[in-house]
Amino acid sequence: MRSPTPSVFIQGIGAYKPERRLTNDDLSRIVDTSDEWIRTRSGIRERRIAALGESNADLGAAAAAAAIQDAGISREDIDLLIVATVSAEGPVPSTACQIQQKLGLRSGIPAFDIAAACSGFVYLLQIASHMLRAGDYRSALIVATEKLSGITDWQDRATCVLFGDGAGAAVVAKCDEPYVGILGNVLGADGTRGDLLTVSPRTGPKPASVADLPVGTHVIGMNGREIFRNAVRVMSQACRGVLEKCNVPASRLSLIIPHQANLRIIDAIASDLELPLQCFKLNLERVGNTSAASIPLALEEAYREGQIKVGDYILLVAFGGGFTWGATLIKWYQPKTS
């Protein structure tokens, strides 16, 4: 594969998880469920919930500030901001514009949202890398933030046990070093399957708040069985597709970071790719499914724990509502400091 010119790499990464933990035992006091029932079907033990008054943009701004600090640059250096979310408080102003204001980023830079559900961060990486390579921008800030507690039906035990809140962000920049950073992407969507996972207006009377959990006007609905079957198929195909595109064998991978939706899905993908589960970064036990924020939360955690080193091949893969999917291959890079 010919290296894209210039190379685009992740210069800094940040994450934010709300302080409040909602455990499976907590949920068993809200709906007819149990810790064992949830763990055996999803692998999740707890998830994070935003504090009262903490907005989706607040979560994203905290992660973004951490990414900028990790990159070692000034907020003045950011000249492009893109946000992935499906849980914005409203369509206008965009979550990106709200984060721009909260961080005090320069007025006049482009700032916009995308909606690719759980595939959001993978989509962000391709959009940002192409815009940077076009030559118009130097440093892009990409943010995946979700306050799913605000669109979760806390009376539906099939869905409320899965979702949590959180945000992840990255500063993406250009460099002259060949064949490093974001090596390739594979993205896709199939709108004919959009009914498998939806966020729709709540039907019936709005229930009272339970356990200080938000009660929104819209709620998540999903067909879990069909999502499982399709997620395994398209995520496996996306992994193979990006590895073939980049001419990198699976044996070269140091770490695979999948969307943290369900342990059974990840286990099935590992089996389909004939790779041990130990190759996959997992944190869904502690954070649940955070949609677009899922991959950057796991990526940041792996980076902080020393699981990612310069020269490692890292594969990101996701599947989400829409439905959407994508995979990104990264050769981890950090510029040499004098």
C-alpha atoms as a PDB file:
ATOM      1  CA  MET A   1       0.000   0.000   0.000  1.00  0.00           C
ATOM      2  CA  ARG A   2       1.286   3.474  -0.885  1.00  0.00           C
ATOM      3  CA  SER A   3       1.441   5.650   2.219  1.00  0.00           C
ATOM      4  CA  PRO A   4      -1.074   8.528   2.249  1.00  0.00           C
ATOM      5  CA  THR A   5       0.659  11.903   1.997  1.00  0.00           C
ATOM      6  CA  PRO A   6       1.003  13.603   4.345  1.00  0.00           C
ATOM      7  CA  SER A   7       0.618  11.186   7.248  1.00  0.00           C
ATOM      8  CA  VAL A   8      -2.077  11.996   9.807  1.00  0.00           C
ATOM      9  CA  PHE A   9      -1.675  10.794  13.378  1.00  0.00           C
ATOM     10  CA  ILE A  10      -3.312  11.045  16.785  1.00  0.00           C
ATOM     11  CA  GLN A  11      -1.300  13.709  18.577  1.00  0.00           C
ATOM     12  CA  GLY A  12      -3.255  13.646  21.830  1.00  0.00           C
ATOM     13  CA  ILE A  13      -6.120  11.731  23.361  1.00  0.00           C
ATOM     14  CA  GLY A  14      -8.473  12.430  26.247  1.00  0.00           C
ATOM     15  CA  ALA A  15     -11.500  10.939  27.941  1.00  0.00           C
ATOM     16  CA  TYR A  16     -14.132  11.822  30.471  1.00  0.00           C
ATOM     17  CA  LYS A  17     -16.316   9.504  32.529  1.00  0.00           C
ATOM     18  CA  PRO A  18     -18.953  10.956  34.882  1.00  0.00           C
ATOM     19  CA  GLU A  19     -18.416  10.169  38.550  1.00  0.00           C
ATOM     20  CA  ARG A  20     -21.744   8.460  39.210  1.00  0.00           C
ATOM     21  CA  ARG A  21     -21.717   4.680  38.879  1.00  0.00           C
ATOM     22  CA  LEU A  22     -24.963   2.826  38.202  1.00  0.00           C
ATOM     23  CA  THR A  23     -24.420  -0.845  39.007  1.00  0.00           C
ATOM     24  CA  ASN A  24     -26.448  -3.862  37.948  1.00  0.00           C
ATOM     25  CA  ASP A  25     -27.700  -4.174  41.522  1.00  0.00           C
ATOM     26  CA  ASP A  26     -28.903  -0.569  41.330  1.00  0.00           C
ATOM     27  CA  LEU A  27     -30.835  -1.410  38.174  1.00  0.00           C
ATOM     28  CA  SER A  28     -32.398  -4.472  39.793  1.00  0.00           C
ATOM     29  CA  ARG A  29     -34.194  -2.060  42.123  1.00  0.00           C
ATOM     30  CA  ILE A  30     -35.642  -0.175  39.133  1.00  0.00           C
ATOM     31  CA  VAL A  31     -36.638  -2.948  36.698  1.00  0.00           C
ATOM     32  CA  ASP A  32     -37.107  -6.715  36.889  1.00  0.00           C
ATOM     33  CA  THR A  33     -33.503  -7.799  36.342  1.00  0.00           C
ATOM     34  CA  SER A  34     -30.424  -9.012  38.222  1.00  0.00           C
ATOM     35  CA  ASP A  35     -26.670  -8.668  38.143  1.00  0.00           C
ATOM     36  CA  GLU A  36     -26.328 -12.243  36.854  1.00  0.00           C
ATOM     37  CA  TRP A  37     -28.924 -11.711  34.090  1.00  0.00           C
ATOM     38  CA  ILE A  38     -27.153  -8.583  32.822  1.00  0.00           C
ATOM     39  CA  ARG A  39     -23.599  -9.936  33.072  1.00  0.00           C
ATOM     40  CA  THR A  40     -24.323 -13.222  31.312  1.00  0.00           C
ATOM     41  CA  ARG A  41     -26.058 -11.460  28.404  1.00  0.00           C
ATOM     42  CA  SER A  42     -23.823  -8.431  27.975  1.00  0.00           C
ATOM     43  CA  GLY A  43     -20.699  -8.615  30.151  1.00  0.00           C
ATOM     44  CA  ILE A  44     -21.605  -5.285  31.798  1.00  0.00           C
ATOM     45  CA  ARG A  45     -21.401  -4.765  35.572  1.00  0.00           C
ATOM     46  CA  GLU A  46     -21.814  -0.994  35.806  1.00  0.00           C
ATOM     47  CA  ARG A  47     -22.072   2.136  33.713  1.00  0.00           C
ATOM     48  CA  ARG A  48     -21.458   5.874  34.311  1.00  0.00           C
ATOM     49  CA  ILE A  49     -24.307   8.396  34.494  1.00  0.00           C
ATOM     50  CA  ALA A  50     -23.979  12.156  34.021  1.00  0.00           C
ATOM     51  CA  ALA A  51     -24.632  14.344  37.040  1.00  0.00           C
ATOM     52  CA  LEU A  52     -27.749  16.459  37.341  1.00  0.00           C
ATOM     53  CA  GLY A  53     -27.234  19.488  35.092  1.00  0.00           C
ATOM     54  CA  GLU A  54     -24.249  17.934  33.282  1.00  0.00           C
ATOM     55  CA  SER A  55     -24.917  18.200  29.553  1.00  0.00           C
ATOM     56  CA  ASN A  56     -23.695  16.160  26.624  1.00  0.00           C
ATOM     57  CA  ALA A  57     -21.538  19.123  25.596  1.00  0.00           C
ATOM     58  CA  ASP A  58     -20.069  19.298  29.121  1.00  0.00           C
ATOM     59  CA  LEU A  59     -18.915  15.682  28.810  1.00  0.00           C
ATOM     60  CA  GLY A  60     -17.393  16.338  25.404  1.00  0.00           C
ATOM     61  CA  ALA A  61     -15.664  19.549  26.492  1.00  0.00           C
ATOM     62  CA  ALA A  62     -13.985  17.763  29.412  1.00  0.00           C
ATOM     63  CA  ALA A  63     -12.634  15.019  27.138  1.00  0.00           C
ATOM     64  CA  ALA A  64     -11.563  17.556  24.529  1.00  0.00           C
ATOM     65  CA  ALA A  65      -9.651  19.652  27.071  1.00  0.00           C
ATOM     66  CA  ALA A  66      -7.789  16.526  28.180  1.00  0.00           C
ATOM     67  CA  ALA A  67      -6.903  15.662  24.567  1.00  0.00           C
ATOM     68  CA  ILE A  68      -5.546  19.153  23.884  1.00  0.00           C
ATOM     69  CA  GLN A  69      -3.440  18.991  27.043  1.00  0.00           C
ATOM     70  CA  ASP A  70      -2.138  15.542  26.095  1.00  0.00           C
ATOM     71  CA  ALA A  71      -1.192  16.842  22.638  1.00  0.00           C
ATOM     72  CA  GLY A  72       0.888  19.569  24.254  1.00  0.00           C
ATOM     73  CA  ILE A  73      -0.631  22.336  22.160  1.00  0.00           C
ATOM     74  CA  SER A  74      -2.648  25.471  22.790  1.00  0.00           C
ATOM     75  CA  ARG A  75      -6.385  25.743  22.245  1.00  0.00           C
ATOM     76  CA  GLU A  76      -5.482  28.477  19.761  1.00  0.00           C
ATOM     77  CA  ASP A  77      -3.831  25.796  17.606  1.00  0.00           C
ATOM     78  CA  ILE A  78      -7.135  23.987  16.940  1.00  0.00           C
ATOM     79  CA  ASP A  79      -8.562  25.018  13.561  1.00  0.00           C
ATOM     80  CA  LEU A  80     -11.212  22.322  13.003  1.00  0.00           C
ATOM     81  CA  LEU A  81     -13.735  20.733  15.404  1.00  0.00           C
ATOM     82  CA  ILE A  82     -15.971  17.761  14.569  1.00  0.00           C
ATOM     83  CA  VAL A  83     -18.264  16.011  17.041  1.00  0.00           C
ATOM     84  CA  ALA A  84     -20.000  12.637  16.826  1.00  0.00           C
ATOM     85  CA  THR A  85     -23.122  12.181  18.941  1.00  0.00           C
ATOM     86  CA  VAL A  86     -26.670  10.851  18.840  1.00  0.00           C
ATOM     87  CA  SER A  87     -27.674  12.330  22.192  1.00  0.00           C
ATOM     88  CA  ALA A  88     -27.474  16.078  21.697  1.00  0.00           C
ATOM     89  CA  GLU A  89     -29.885  18.111  23.810  1.00  0.00           C
ATOM     90  CA  GLY A  90     -31.172  19.664  20.582  1.00  0.00           C
ATOM     91  CA  PRO A  91     -30.249  20.159  16.920  1.00  0.00           C
ATOM     92  CA  VAL A  92     -29.235  23.830  17.165  1.00  0.00           C
ATOM     93  CA  PRO A  93     -26.799  24.982  18.379  1.00  0.00           C
ATOM     94  CA  SER A  94     -24.799  21.902  17.497  1.00  0.00           C
ATOM     95  CA  THR A  95     -22.875  20.102  20.200  1.00  0.00           C
ATOM     96  CA  ALA A  96     -19.700  21.102  18.333  1.00  0.00           C
ATOM     97  CA  CYS A  97     -20.565  24.796  18.600  1.00  0.00           C
ATOM     98  CA  GLN A  98     -21.361  24.378  22.277  1.00  0.00           C
ATOM     99  CA  ILE A  99     -17.994  22.701  22.894  1.00  0.00           C
ATOM    100  CA  GLN A 100     -16.253  25.419  20.889  1.00  0.00           C
ATOM    101  CA  GLN A 101     -17.803  27.999  23.210  1.00  0.00           C
ATOM    102  CA  LYS A 102     -17.095  26.056  26.406  1.00  0.00           C
ATOM    103  CA  LEU A 103     -13.410  25.592  25.523  1.00  0.00           C
ATOM    104  CA  GLY A 104     -12.920  29.112  24.214  1.00  0.00           C
ATOM    105  CA  LEU A 105     -11.688  27.869  20.846  1.00  0.00           C
ATOM    106  CA  ARG A 106     -11.059  30.476  18.181  1.00  0.00           C
ATOM    107  CA  SER A 107     -14.107  32.046  16.592  1.00  0.00           C
ATOM    108  CA  GLY A 108     -14.308  31.339  12.884  1.00  0.00           C
ATOM    109  CA  ILE A 109     -13.038  27.755  12.852  1.00  0.00           C
ATOM    110  CA  PRO A 110     -15.421  25.152  11.354  1.00  0.00           C
ATOM    111  CA  ALA A 111     -17.395  23.211  13.956  1.00  0.00           C
ATOM    112  CA  PHE A 112     -20.056  20.640  13.119  1.00  0.00           C
ATOM    113  CA  ASP A 113     -21.715  17.411  14.266  1.00  0.00           C
ATOM    114  CA  ILE A 114     -22.107  14.038  12.599  1.00  0.00           C
ATOM    115  CA  ALA A 115     -24.547  11.250  13.515  1.00  0.00           C
ATOM    116  CA  ALA A 116     -23.138   7.774  12.849  1.00  0.00           C
ATOM    117  CA  ALA A 117     -24.181   6.255  16.197  1.00  0.00           C
ATOM    118  CA  CYS A 118     -21.643   3.778  17.594  1.00  0.00           C
ATOM    119  CA  SER A 119     -19.457   4.107  14.478  1.00  0.00           C
ATOM    120  CA  GLY A 120     -19.055   7.841  15.110  1.00  0.00           C
ATOM    121  CA  PHE A 121     -15.397   7.922  16.156  1.00  0.00           C
ATOM    122  CA  VAL A 122     -14.281   5.812  13.204  1.00  0.00           C
ATOM    123  CA  TYR A 123     -16.187   8.139  10.882  1.00  0.00           C
ATOM    124  CA  LEU A 124     -14.572  11.144  12.592  1.00  0.00           C
ATOM    125  CA  LEU A 125     -11.073   9.803  11.962  1.00  0.00           C
ATOM    126  CA  GLN A 126     -11.664   9.469   8.231  1.00  0.00           C
ATOM    127  CA  ILE A 127     -13.382  12.854   7.872  1.00  0.00           C
ATOM    128  CA  ALA A 128     -10.646  14.634   9.833  1.00  0.00           C
ATOM    129  CA  SER A 129      -7.780  12.866   8.075  1.00  0.00           C
ATOM    130  CA  HIS A 130      -9.145  13.728   4.626  1.00  0.00           C
ATOM    131  CA  MET A 131      -9.749  17.371   5.571  1.00  0.00           C
ATOM    132  CA  LEU A 132      -6.224  17.636   6.980  1.00  0.00           C
ATOM    133  CA  ARG A 133      -4.654  16.013   3.921  1.00  0.00           C
ATOM    134  CA  ALA A 134      -6.543  18.442   1.686  1.00  0.00           C
ATOM    135  CA  GLY A 135      -4.226  21.074   3.117  1.00  0.00           C
ATOM    136  CA  ASP A 136      -6.676  23.530   4.633  1.00  0.00           C
ATOM    137  CA  TYR A 137      -6.181  22.615   8.310  1.00  0.00           C
ATOM    138  CA  ARG A 138      -3.286  21.758  10.619  1.00  0.00           C
ATOM    139  CA  SER A 139      -4.816  20.428  13.864  1.00  0.00           C
ATOM    140  CA  ALA A 140      -8.274  18.898  14.119  1.00  0.00           C
ATOM    141  CA  LEU A 141     -10.100  18.195  17.350  1.00  0.00           C
ATOM    142  CA  ILE A 142     -12.509  15.274  17.119  1.00  0.00           C
ATOM    143  CA  VAL A 143     -14.910  14.523  19.960  1.00  0.00           C
ATOM    144  CA  ALA A 144     -17.290  11.608  20.510  1.00  0.00           C
ATOM    145  CA  THR A 145     -19.673  12.372  23.346  1.00  0.00           C
ATOM    146  CA  GLU A 146     -22.843  10.672  24.520  1.00  0.00           C
ATOM    147  CA  LYS A 147     -25.318  11.290  27.311  1.00  0.00           C
ATOM    148  CA  LEU A 148     -27.358   8.172  26.596  1.00  0.00           C
ATOM    149  CA  SER A 149     -29.005   8.295  30.015  1.00  0.00           C
ATOM    150  CA  GLY A 150     -31.143  11.105  28.603  1.00  0.00           C
ATOM    151  CA  ILE A 151     -32.585   8.902  25.841  1.00  0.00           C
ATOM    152  CA  THR A 152     -32.758   5.605  27.734  1.00  0.00           C
ATOM    153  CA  ASP A 153     -36.121   4.144  28.701  1.00  0.00           C
ATOM    154  CA  TRP A 154     -35.448   3.227  32.326  1.00  0.00           C
ATOM    155  CA  GLN A 155     -38.561   1.044  32.350  1.00  0.00           C
ATOM    156  CA  ASP A 156     -37.344  -1.181  29.506  1.00  0.00           C
ATOM    157  CA  ARG A 157     -35.054  -3.837  30.955  1.00  0.00           C
ATOM    158  CA  ALA A 158     -33.953  -4.997  27.483  1.00  0.00           C
ATOM    159  CA  THR A 159     -32.222  -1.667  26.780  1.00  0.00           C
ATOM    160  CA  CYS A 160     -31.704   0.243  30.035  1.00  0.00           C
ATOM    161  CA  VAL A 161     -29.127  -2.285  31.252  1.00  0.00           C
ATOM    162  CA  LEU A 162     -26.825  -1.578  28.303  1.00  0.00           C
ATOM    163  CA  PHE A 163     -26.169   2.135  28.018  1.00  0.00           C
ATOM    164  CA  GLY A 164     -24.019   4.684  29.837  1.00  0.00           C
ATOM    165  CA  ASP A 165     -22.570   8.182  29.497  1.00  0.00           C
ATOM    166  CA  GLY A 166     -19.067   9.318  28.583  1.00  0.00           C
ATOM    167  CA  ALA A 167     -16.868  11.098  26.077  1.00  0.00           C
ATOM    168  CA  GLY A 168     -13.583  10.596  24.269  1.00  0.00           C
ATOM    169  CA  ALA A 169     -11.584  13.013  22.137  1.00  0.00           C
ATOM    170  CA  ALA A 170      -8.437  13.211  20.047  1.00  0.00           C
ATOM    171  CA  VAL A 171      -6.275  15.866  18.464  1.00  0.00           C
ATOM    172  CA  VAL A 172      -5.392  14.735  14.945  1.00  0.00           C
ATOM    173  CA  ALA A 173      -2.479  16.368  13.123  1.00  0.00           C
ATOM    174  CA  LYS A 174      -0.264  16.068  10.042  1.00  0.00           C
ATOM    175  CA  CYS A 175       3.357  14.955   9.921  1.00  0.00           C
ATOM    176  CA  ASP A 176       5.993  14.258   7.242  1.00  0.00           C
ATOM    177  CA  GLU A 177       6.949  10.797   8.511  1.00  0.00           C
ATOM    178  CA  PRO A 178       5.727   8.266   5.905  1.00  0.00           C
ATOM    179  CA  TYR A 179       3.445   5.321   6.639  1.00  0.00           C
ATOM    180  CA  VAL A 180       2.501   6.217  10.210  1.00  0.00           C
ATOM    181  CA  GLY A 181      -0.698   7.227  11.957  1.00  0.00           C
ATOM    182  CA  ILE A 182      -3.997   6.582  10.201  1.00  0.00           C
ATOM    183  CA  LEU A 183      -3.118   4.105   7.447  1.00  0.00           C
ATOM    184  CA  GLY A 184      -6.570   3.359   6.116  1.00  0.00           C
ATOM    185  CA  ASN A 185     -10.294   3.302   6.724  1.00  0.00           C
ATOM    186  CA  VAL A 186     -13.280   1.262   5.623  1.00  0.00           C
ATOM    187  CA  LEU A 187     -16.703   2.813   6.189  1.00  0.00           C
ATOM    188  CA  GLY A 188     -20.195   1.678   5.264  1.00  0.00           C
ATOM    189  CA  ALA A 189     -23.898   2.041   5.932  1.00  0.00           C
ATOM    190  CA  ASP A 190     -27.178   0.310   5.087  1.00  0.00           C
ATOM    191  CA  GLY A 191     -30.215   2.518   5.543  1.00  0.00           C
ATOM    192  CA  THR A 192     -32.578  -0.367   4.790  1.00  0.00           C
ATOM    193  CA  ARG A 193     -31.779  -1.747   8.266  1.00  0.00           C
ATOM    194  CA  GLY A 194     -32.342   1.525  10.074  1.00  0.00           C
ATOM    195  CA  ASP A 195     -35.258   0.105  12.050  1.00  0.00           C
ATOM    196  CA  LEU A 196     -32.940  -2.215  14.000  1.00  0.00           C
ATOM    197  CA  LEU A 197     -31.864   0.591  16.344  1.00  0.00           C
ATOM    198  CA  THR A 198     -33.751   3.849  16.656  1.00  0.00           C
ATOM    199  CA  VAL A 199     -34.192   6.908  18.850  1.00  0.00           C
ATOM    200  CA  SER A 200     -37.880   7.770  18.623  1.00  0.00           C
ATOM    201  CA  PRO A 201     -40.406   9.945  20.447  1.00  0.00           C
ATOM    202  CA  ARG A 202     -41.606   8.373  23.670  1.00  0.00           C
ATOM    203  CA  THR A 203     -45.119   6.920  23.429  1.00  0.00           C
ATOM    204  CA  GLY A 204     -47.638   7.226  26.222  1.00  0.00           C
ATOM    205  CA  PRO A 205     -47.416   9.493  29.258  1.00  0.00           C
ATOM    206  CA  LYS A 206     -44.005  10.575  30.436  1.00  0.00           C
ATOM    207  CA  PRO A 207     -43.137   8.557  33.588  1.00  0.00           C
ATOM    208  CA  ALA A 208     -41.811  10.085  36.756  1.00  0.00           C
ATOM    209  CA  SER A 209     -38.043  10.089  37.328  1.00  0.00           C
ATOM    210  CA  VAL A 210     -36.708   6.981  39.061  1.00  0.00           C
ATOM    211  CA  ALA A 211     -33.500   6.990  41.123  1.00  0.00           C
ATOM    212  CA  ASP A 212     -32.643  10.502  39.892  1.00  0.00           C
ATOM    213  CA  LEU A 213     -32.305   9.230  36.315  1.00  0.00           C
ATOM    214  CA  PRO A 214     -33.298  11.538  33.446  1.00  0.00           C
ATOM    215  CA  VAL A 215     -36.587  11.007  31.631  1.00  0.00           C
ATOM    216  CA  GLY A 216     -36.346  12.263  28.066  1.00  0.00           C
ATOM    217  CA  THR A 217     -38.898  12.861  25.332  1.00  0.00           C
ATOM    218  CA  HIS A 218     -37.121  10.357  23.058  1.00  0.00           C
ATOM    219  CA  VAL A 219     -35.965   6.819  23.862  1.00  0.00           C
ATOM    220  CA  ILE A 220     -33.781   4.118  22.340  1.00  0.00           C
ATOM    221  CA  GLY A 221     -35.452   1.101  20.732  1.00  0.00           C
ATOM    222  CA  MET A 222     -33.610  -1.915  19.360  1.00  0.00           C
ATOM    223  CA  ASN A 223     -33.914  -5.403  17.908  1.00  0.00           C
ATOM    224  CA  GLY A 224     -31.137  -7.077  19.860  1.00  0.00           C
ATOM    225  CA  ARG A 225     -31.116 -10.405  18.036  1.00  0.00           C
ATOM    226  CA  GLU A 226     -30.848  -8.901  14.553  1.00  0.00           C
ATOM    227  CA  ILE A 227     -28.281  -6.345  15.710  1.00  0.00           C
ATOM    228  CA  PHE A 228     -26.107  -9.159  17.083  1.00  0.00           C
ATOM    229  CA  ARG A 229     -26.207 -11.123  13.838  1.00  0.00           C
ATOM    230  CA  ASN A 230     -25.501  -8.134  11.607  1.00  0.00           C
ATOM    231  CA  ALA A 231     -22.868  -6.599  13.899  1.00  0.00           C
ATOM    232  CA  VAL A 232     -20.722  -9.720  13.914  1.00  0.00           C
ATOM    233  CA  ARG A 233     -20.916 -10.051  10.141  1.00  0.00           C
ATOM    234  CA  VAL A 234     -20.136  -6.461   9.125  1.00  0.00           C
ATOM    235  CA  MET A 235     -17.511  -5.819  11.824  1.00  0.00           C
ATOM    236  CA  SER A 236     -15.603  -8.938  10.787  1.00  0.00           C
ATOM    237  CA  GLN A 237     -15.841  -7.882   7.133  1.00  0.00           C
ATOM    238  CA  ALA A 238     -14.662  -4.356   7.960  1.00  0.00           C
ATOM    239  CA  CYS A 239     -11.637  -5.721   9.836  1.00  0.00           C
ATOM    240  CA  ARG A 240     -10.631  -7.890   6.916  1.00  0.00           C
ATOM    241  CA  GLY A 241     -11.312  -5.081   4.467  1.00  0.00           C
ATOM    242  CA  VAL A 242      -9.064  -2.487   6.081  1.00  0.00           C
ATOM    243  CA  LEU A 243      -6.248  -5.001   6.673  1.00  0.00           C
ATOM    244  CA  GLU A 244      -6.371  -6.025   3.022  1.00  0.00           C
ATOM    245  CA  LYS A 245      -6.531  -2.390   1.912  1.00  0.00           C
ATOM    246  CA  CYS A 246      -3.410  -1.588   3.939  1.00  0.00           C
ATOM    247  CA  ASN A 247      -1.654  -4.890   3.144  1.00  0.00           C
ATOM    248  CA  VAL A 248      -1.164  -5.651   6.836  1.00  0.00           C
ATOM    249  CA  PRO A 249      -1.751  -9.242   8.058  1.00  0.00           C
ATOM    250  CA  ALA A 250      -3.835  -9.778  11.186  1.00  0.00           C
ATOM    251  CA  SER A 251      -0.768 -11.334  12.821  1.00  0.00           C
ATOM    252  CA  ARG A 252       0.862  -7.867  12.902  1.00  0.00           C
ATOM    253  CA  LEU A 253      -1.887  -6.387  15.061  1.00  0.00           C
ATOM    254  CA  SER A 254      -0.926  -5.405  18.589  1.00  0.00           C
ATOM    255  CA  LEU A 255      -4.439  -4.509  19.724  1.00  0.00           C
ATOM    256  CA  ILE A 256      -7.996  -4.462  18.423  1.00  0.00           C
ATOM    257  CA  ILE A 257     -10.343  -1.904  19.961  1.00  0.00           C
ATOM    258  CA  PRO A 258     -13.943  -2.794  19.115  1.00  0.00           C
ATOM    259  CA  HIS A 259     -17.093  -0.893  19.901  1.00  0.00           C
ATOM    260  CA  GLN A 260     -17.969  -1.940  23.454  1.00  0.00           C
ATOM    261  CA  ALA A 261     -21.558  -3.052  22.925  1.00  0.00           C
ATOM    262  CA  ASN A 262     -21.756  -6.612  24.126  1.00  0.00           C
ATOM    263  CA  LEU A 263     -19.149  -9.178  25.179  1.00  0.00           C
ATOM    264  CA  ARG A 264     -20.905 -11.871  23.157  1.00  0.00           C
ATOM    265  CA  ILE A 265     -20.537  -9.803  19.978  1.00  0.00           C
ATOM    266  CA  ILE A 266     -16.828  -9.219  20.594  1.00  0.00           C
ATOM    267  CA  ASP A 267     -16.277 -12.898  21.401  1.00  0.00           C
ATOM    268  CA  ALA A 268     -18.019 -13.903  18.161  1.00  0.00           C
ATOM    269  CA  ILE A 269     -15.874 -11.474  16.134  1.00  0.00           C
ATOM    270  CA  ALA A 270     -12.714 -12.866  17.724  1.00  0.00           C
ATOM    271  CA  SER A 271     -13.816 -16.360  16.777  1.00  0.00           C
ATOM    272  CA  ASP A 272     -14.712 -15.308  13.230  1.00  0.00           C
ATOM    273  CA  LEU A 273     -11.301 -13.660  12.751  1.00  0.00           C
ATOM    274  CA  GLU A 274      -9.562 -16.620  14.431  1.00  0.00           C
ATOM    275  CA  LEU A 275      -7.916 -14.316  16.962  1.00  0.00           C
ATOM    276  CA  PRO A 276      -7.746 -14.794  20.752  1.00  0.00           C
ATOM    277  CA  LEU A 277     -10.013 -12.582  22.843  1.00  0.00           C
ATOM    278  CA  GLN A 278      -6.857 -11.344  24.586  1.00  0.00           C
ATOM    279  CA  CYS A 279      -6.086  -9.306  21.431  1.00  0.00           C
ATOM    280  CA  PHE A 280      -9.177  -7.179  22.081  1.00  0.00           C
ATOM    281  CA  LYS A 281      -9.298  -4.226  24.457  1.00  0.00           C
ATOM    282  CA  LEU A 282     -12.336  -4.541  26.743  1.00  0.00           C
ATOM    283  CA  ASN A 283     -13.753  -2.028  29.200  1.00  0.00           C
ATOM    284  CA  LEU A 284     -17.522  -2.472  28.732  1.00  0.00           C
ATOM    285  CA  GLU A 285     -17.716  -4.210  32.106  1.00  0.00           C
ATOM    286  CA  ARG A 286     -17.127  -0.836  33.766  1.00  0.00           C
ATOM    287  CA  VAL A 287     -18.688   1.672  31.329  1.00  0.00           C
ATOM    288  CA  GLY A 288     -21.328  -0.196  29.318  1.00  0.00           C
ATOM    289  CA  ASN A 289     -22.258   0.842  25.794  1.00  0.00           C
ATOM    290  CA  THR A 290     -21.471   4.539  25.297  1.00  0.00           C
ATOM    291  CA  SER A 291     -22.187   4.605  21.545  1.00  0.00           C
ATOM    292  CA  ALA A 292     -19.792   6.955  19.690  1.00  0.00           C
ATOM    293  CA  ALA A 293     -17.717   7.468  22.857  1.00  0.00           C
ATOM    294  CA  SER A 294     -17.076   3.750  23.230  1.00  0.00           C
ATOM    295  CA  ILE A 295     -13.939   3.361  21.092  1.00  0.00           C
ATOM    296  CA  PRO A 296     -12.103   6.525  22.215  1.00  0.00           C
ATOM    297  CA  LEU A 297     -12.809   5.707  25.877  1.00  0.00           C
ATOM    298  CA  ALA A 298     -11.213   2.272  25.391  1.00  0.00           C
ATOM    299  CA  LEU A 299      -8.386   3.715  23.251  1.00  0.00           C
ATOM    300  CA  GLU A 300      -7.515   6.324  25.877  1.00  0.00           C
ATOM    301  CA  GLU A 301      -7.552   3.687  28.610  1.00  0.00           C
ATOM    302  CA  ALA A 302      -5.269   1.359  26.638  1.00  0.00           C
ATOM    303  CA  TYR A 303      -2.880   4.238  25.956  1.00  0.00           C
ATOM    304  CA  ARG A 304      -2.758   5.315  29.603  1.00  0.00           C
ATOM    305  CA  GLU A 305      -2.157   1.729  30.744  1.00  0.00           C
ATOM    306  CA  GLY A 306       0.823   1.316  28.403  1.00  0.00           C
ATOM    307  CA  GLN A 307      -0.881  -1.181  26.114  1.00  0.00           C
ATOM    308  CA  ILE A 308      -0.030   0.934  23.053  1.00  0.00           C
ATOM    309  CA  LYS A 309       3.539   1.676  21.976  1.00  0.00           C
ATOM    310  CA  VAL A 310       5.090   3.539  19.063  1.00  0.00           C
ATOM    311  CA  GLY A 311       5.062   1.317  15.974  1.00  0.00           C
ATOM    312  CA  ASP A 312       2.121  -0.820  17.137  1.00  0.00           C
ATOM    313  CA  TYR A 313      -0.625  -1.605  14.660  1.00  0.00           C
ATOM    314  CA  ILE A 314      -3.994  -0.789  16.257  1.00  0.00           C
ATOM    315  CA  LEU A 315      -7.304  -1.727  14.652  1.00  0.00           C
ATOM    316  CA  LEU A 316     -10.519   0.119  15.560  1.00  0.00           C
ATOM    317  CA  VAL A 317     -13.847  -1.404  14.491  1.00  0.00           C
ATOM    318  CA  ALA A 318     -17.447  -0.420  15.123  1.00  0.00           C
ATOM    319  CA  PHE A 319     -21.061  -1.089  14.243  1.00  0.00           C
ATOM    320  CA  GLY A 320     -23.937   1.248  15.021  1.00  0.00           C
ATOM    321  CA  GLY A 321     -27.485   2.302  14.352  1.00  0.00           C
ATOM    322  CA  GLY A 322     -28.403   3.549  10.918  1.00  0.00           C
ATOM    323  CA  PHE A 323     -27.026   1.089  10.426  1.00  0.00           C
ATOM    324  CA  THR A 324     -23.395   2.092  10.075  1.00  0.00           C
ATOM    325  CA  TRP A 325     -20.036   0.401  10.410  1.00  0.00           C
ATOM    326  CA  GLY A 326     -16.364   1.093   9.971  1.00  0.00           C
ATOM    327  CA  ALA A 327     -12.782   0.095  10.703  1.00  0.00           C
ATOM    328  CA  THR A 328      -9.572   2.122  10.949  1.00  0.00           C
ATOM    329  CA  LEU A 329      -6.000   0.837  10.973  1.00  0.00           C
ATOM    330  CA  ILE A 330      -3.450   2.944  12.847  1.00  0.00           C
ATOM    331  CA  LYS A 331       0.312   2.607  13.147  1.00  0.00           C
ATOM    332  CA  TRP A 332       0.881   4.387  16.428  1.00  0.00           C
ATOM    333  CA  TYR A 333       3.219   7.339  16.113  1.00  0.00           C
ATOM    334  CA  GLN A 334       4.676  10.041  18.323  1.00  0.00           C
ATOM    335  CA  PRO A 335       7.104  12.660  16.981  1.00  0.00           C
ATOM    336  CA  LYS A 336      10.610  12.465  18.347  1.00  0.00           C
ATOM    337  CA  THR A 337      11.398  15.208  20.828  1.00  0.00           C
ATOM    338  CA  SER A 338      14.810  16.830  20.891  1.00  0.00           C
END
